[in-house]
Amino acid sequence: MKPVFLIGYMGCGKTTLGEPLAKKLGWRFIDLDLYIEEKVGMTAKEVFMTYGEAHFRELEREALKEVSADGDDSIVACGGGTPLQDGNMELMNHIGFTVWLRTSVERITSRLVLPEQRSKRPLLNNMSDEQIMESVARGLEIRSPFYEKAQLQFDSTYLESEEEIEATVQRLAFLLMHNS
C-alpha cells in the first residue's frame, strides 16, 4: 500500500496518532523532522540557525522524496510547514495518500501550552498562553489552503488519553483501509 502522509499544524497529533496507527497496521512510522535530523546530524533548529529556512526546506523536500521512494506501508508525520513548500502537496498526493489532521485552535493551544510541549518547541517558551492561541489562529489561517489539498480531512480532537488515542486510531485505520 502506498505511504500515508499526516499533515497539519503543530500540536494536531501527527506523532501522537501516527506512531500507534503505524503499529496497529504493522507499518513503519517516519517522523520527517527526525529523519532529516538523523541524516544531517543536526537538530532542525540547528539547521535553521546555521543554514537558514531555505536550506532546511531543501532538505525537507529531499527527505520527502526519499521516504516516498521506499515508503510503501509507511505512515509519515510531516512537519507543519511541509505542505506549504512548492510542489510538496502535489508530490505527496501523487505518490501516497494525504490526511489533514484537523482540530480547533483551542485544542491545539491546550496541547502546546503543556510544559513538555513548550520544552520541545523553543519558540513557545517566551509566549503567553494567549499569544500562543493568537499565533495558532494566524498560522492555521495561512496554512489551511495548503492543508485543504489533502485527500482526507480527519478530526484529531480526541487524543488526550490512551482510550481516546486508541479509539481515534481505530477510526483512522478503518478510513485508510477503505479510502486510500
Protein backbone atom coordinates (compact mmCIF):
# COMPACT_ATOMS: atom_id res chain seq x y z
CA MET A 1 0.00 0.00 0.00
CA LYS A 2 1.24 3.50 -0.76
CA PRO A 3 2.57 5.76 2.01
CA VAL A 4 0.19 7.81 4.15
CA PHE A 5 1.27 11.38 4.88
CA LEU A 6 -0.13 13.00 8.04
CA ILE A 7 -0.19 16.77 7.72
CA GLY A 8 -1.45 19.57 9.92
CA TYR A 9 -0.46 22.29 12.34
CA MET A 10 1.91 21.59 15.23
CA GLY A 11 0.02 20.03 18.11
CA CYS A 12 -2.63 18.46 15.88
CA GLY A 13 -1.45 14.93 16.76
CA LYS A 14 0.70 13.78 13.83
CA THR A 15 3.12 11.85 16.06
CA THR A 16 0.65 11.05 18.85
CA LEU A 17 -1.67 9.41 16.32
CA GLY A 18 0.91 8.33 13.73
CA GLU A 19 3.03 6.05 15.92
CA PRO A 20 0.19 3.88 17.27
CA LEU A 21 -1.51 3.88 13.85
CA ALA A 22 1.64 2.51 12.20
CA LYS A 23 1.96 -0.09 14.94
CA LYS A 24 -1.68 -1.17 14.54
CA LEU A 25 -1.28 -1.54 10.77
CA GLY A 26 2.12 -3.21 11.08
CA TRP A 27 3.66 -0.40 9.07
CA ARG A 28 6.76 1.74 9.51
CA PHE A 29 6.45 5.15 11.22
CA ILE A 30 8.60 8.02 9.95
CA ASP A 31 8.77 11.44 11.58
CA LEU A 32 10.06 13.59 8.72
CA ASP A 33 11.84 16.08 11.01
CA LEU A 34 13.62 13.27 12.88
CA TYR A 35 14.53 11.64 9.55
CA ILE A 36 16.19 14.90 8.46
CA GLU A 37 17.93 15.32 11.83
CA GLU A 38 19.39 11.80 11.68
CA LYS A 39 20.51 12.30 8.09
CA VAL A 40 22.35 15.60 8.69
CA GLY A 41 23.44 15.04 12.30
CA MET A 42 21.84 18.29 13.48
CA THR A 43 18.52 19.23 15.02
CA ALA A 44 16.01 21.04 12.83
CA LYS A 45 16.57 24.11 15.00
CA GLU A 46 20.35 23.93 14.40
CA VAL A 47 19.83 23.62 10.64
CA PHE A 48 17.54 26.68 10.70
CA MET A 49 20.03 28.68 12.81
CA THR A 50 23.13 27.64 10.84
CA TYR A 51 21.91 27.48 7.25
CA GLY A 52 18.50 29.18 7.26
CA GLU A 53 14.98 28.11 6.48
CA ALA A 54 15.54 27.78 2.71
CA HIS A 55 18.21 25.13 3.29
CA PHE A 56 16.00 23.26 5.76
CA ARG A 57 13.14 23.29 3.23
CA GLU A 58 15.52 21.85 0.60
CA LEU A 59 16.49 19.05 2.99
CA GLU A 60 12.83 18.51 3.78
CA ARG A 61 11.87 18.14 0.11
CA GLU A 62 14.78 15.75 -0.47
CA ALA A 63 13.75 13.70 2.58
CA LEU A 64 10.16 13.64 1.37
CA LYS A 65 11.29 12.19 -1.96
CA GLU A 66 13.49 9.61 -0.19
CA VAL A 67 10.82 8.35 2.19
CA SER A 68 8.33 8.31 -0.69
CA ALA A 69 10.58 6.20 -2.89
CA ASP A 70 10.53 3.28 -0.48
CA GLY A 71 7.61 4.41 1.63
CA ASP A 72 5.08 1.67 0.93
CA ASP A 73 3.37 0.62 4.13
CA SER A 74 4.60 3.77 5.90
CA ILE A 75 2.93 6.43 8.00
CA VAL A 76 4.86 9.69 7.56
CA ALA A 77 4.36 12.54 10.05
CA CYS A 78 5.27 15.67 8.13
CA GLY A 79 6.38 18.95 9.62
CA GLY A 80 3.64 21.56 9.89
CA GLY A 81 5.26 23.61 7.12
CA THR A 82 5.95 20.73 4.72
CA PRO A 83 2.72 21.18 2.69
CA LEU A 84 3.45 24.88 2.15
CA GLN A 85 6.56 24.30 0.07
CA ASP A 86 6.13 24.44 -3.68
CA GLY A 87 5.13 21.07 -5.07
CA ASN A 88 5.16 19.11 -1.80
CA MET A 89 1.38 18.56 -1.59
CA GLU A 90 1.28 17.55 -5.23
CA LEU A 91 4.14 15.09 -4.68
CA MET A 92 2.52 13.57 -1.59
CA ASN A 93 -0.89 13.33 -3.26
CA HIS A 94 0.65 11.71 -6.34
CA ILE A 95 2.72 9.03 -4.65
CA GLY A 96 0.74 8.50 -1.48
CA PHE A 97 -2.38 9.37 0.47
CA THR A 98 -2.58 12.60 2.47
CA VAL A 99 -4.55 13.10 5.68
CA TRP A 100 -5.06 16.53 7.24
CA LEU A 101 -5.40 16.10 10.99
CA ARG A 102 -7.81 18.85 11.97
CA THR A 103 -8.80 20.20 15.32
CA SER A 104 -9.72 23.54 16.82
CA VAL A 105 -7.40 26.42 17.65
CA GLU A 106 -8.39 25.95 21.30
CA ARG A 107 -7.49 22.24 21.32
CA ILE A 108 -4.13 22.85 19.61
CA THR A 109 -3.37 25.65 22.08
CA SER A 110 -4.31 23.46 25.07
CA ARG A 111 -1.73 20.93 23.87
CA LEU A 112 1.00 23.44 23.06
CA VAL A 113 0.86 25.20 26.45
CA LEU A 114 1.76 21.97 28.27
CA PRO A 115 5.28 22.15 29.77
CA GLU A 116 6.55 19.11 27.81
CA GLN A 117 5.38 20.71 24.55
CA ARG A 118 6.88 24.09 25.38
CA SER A 119 10.24 22.45 26.12
CA LYS A 120 10.21 20.75 22.69
CA ARG A 121 9.28 23.98 20.92
CA PRO A 122 11.63 26.79 21.96
CA LEU A 123 9.65 29.48 20.11
CA LEU A 124 6.77 28.91 22.53
CA ASN A 125 8.83 29.36 25.70
CA ASN A 126 8.54 33.14 25.80
CA MET A 127 4.90 33.33 24.74
CA SER A 128 1.88 33.62 27.00
CA ASP A 129 -0.99 31.17 26.51
CA GLU A 130 -2.97 33.95 24.80
CA GLN A 131 -0.07 34.72 22.43
CA ILE A 132 0.19 31.03 21.55
CA MET A 133 -3.53 30.94 20.75
CA GLU A 134 -3.23 34.04 18.54
CA SER A 135 -0.20 32.54 16.79
CA VAL A 136 -2.03 29.25 16.16
CA ALA A 137 -5.09 31.07 14.77
CA ARG A 138 -2.93 33.13 12.39
CA GLY A 139 -0.89 30.09 11.38
CA LEU A 140 -3.94 27.98 10.61
CA GLU A 141 -5.46 30.78 8.57
CA ILE A 142 -2.32 30.95 6.41
CA ARG A 143 -1.79 27.18 6.14
CA SER A 144 -5.37 25.95 5.69
CA PRO A 145 -5.45 26.50 1.90
CA PHE A 146 -2.46 24.14 1.61
CA TYR A 147 -3.79 21.61 4.12
CA GLU A 148 -7.15 21.56 2.29
CA LYS A 149 -5.45 19.83 -0.65
CA ALA A 150 -5.27 16.65 1.45
CA GLN A 151 -7.22 13.67 0.18
CA LEU A 152 -8.84 13.16 3.59
CA GLN A 153 -9.63 15.53 6.44
CA PHE A 154 -9.73 13.77 9.79
CA ASP A 155 -10.79 15.06 13.22
CA SER A 156 -7.88 14.72 15.67
CA THR A 157 -9.61 16.40 18.59
CA TYR A 158 -9.69 13.40 20.91
CA LEU A 159 -6.11 12.42 21.74
CA GLU A 160 -5.93 13.38 25.40
CA SER A 161 -5.97 9.88 26.92
CA GLU A 162 -4.88 6.37 25.92
CA GLU A 163 -8.53 5.43 25.40
CA GLU A 164 -9.15 8.42 23.12
CA ILE A 165 -5.97 7.73 21.16
CA GLU A 166 -6.93 4.06 20.68
CA ALA A 167 -10.46 4.97 19.53
CA THR A 168 -9.11 7.61 17.14
CA VAL A 169 -6.51 5.17 15.76
CA GLN A 170 -9.31 2.64 15.15
CA ARG A 171 -11.39 5.21 13.24
CA LEU A 172 -8.47 6.41 11.10
CA ALA A 173 -7.25 2.87 10.35
CA PHE A 174 -10.77 1.96 9.16
CA LEU A 175 -10.93 5.04 6.91
CA LEU A 176 -7.49 4.38 5.46
CA MET A 177 -8.33 0.79 4.62
CA HIS A 178 -11.46 1.95 2.80
CA ASN A 179 -10.23 5.16 1.14
CA SER A 180 -6.54 5.03 0.25
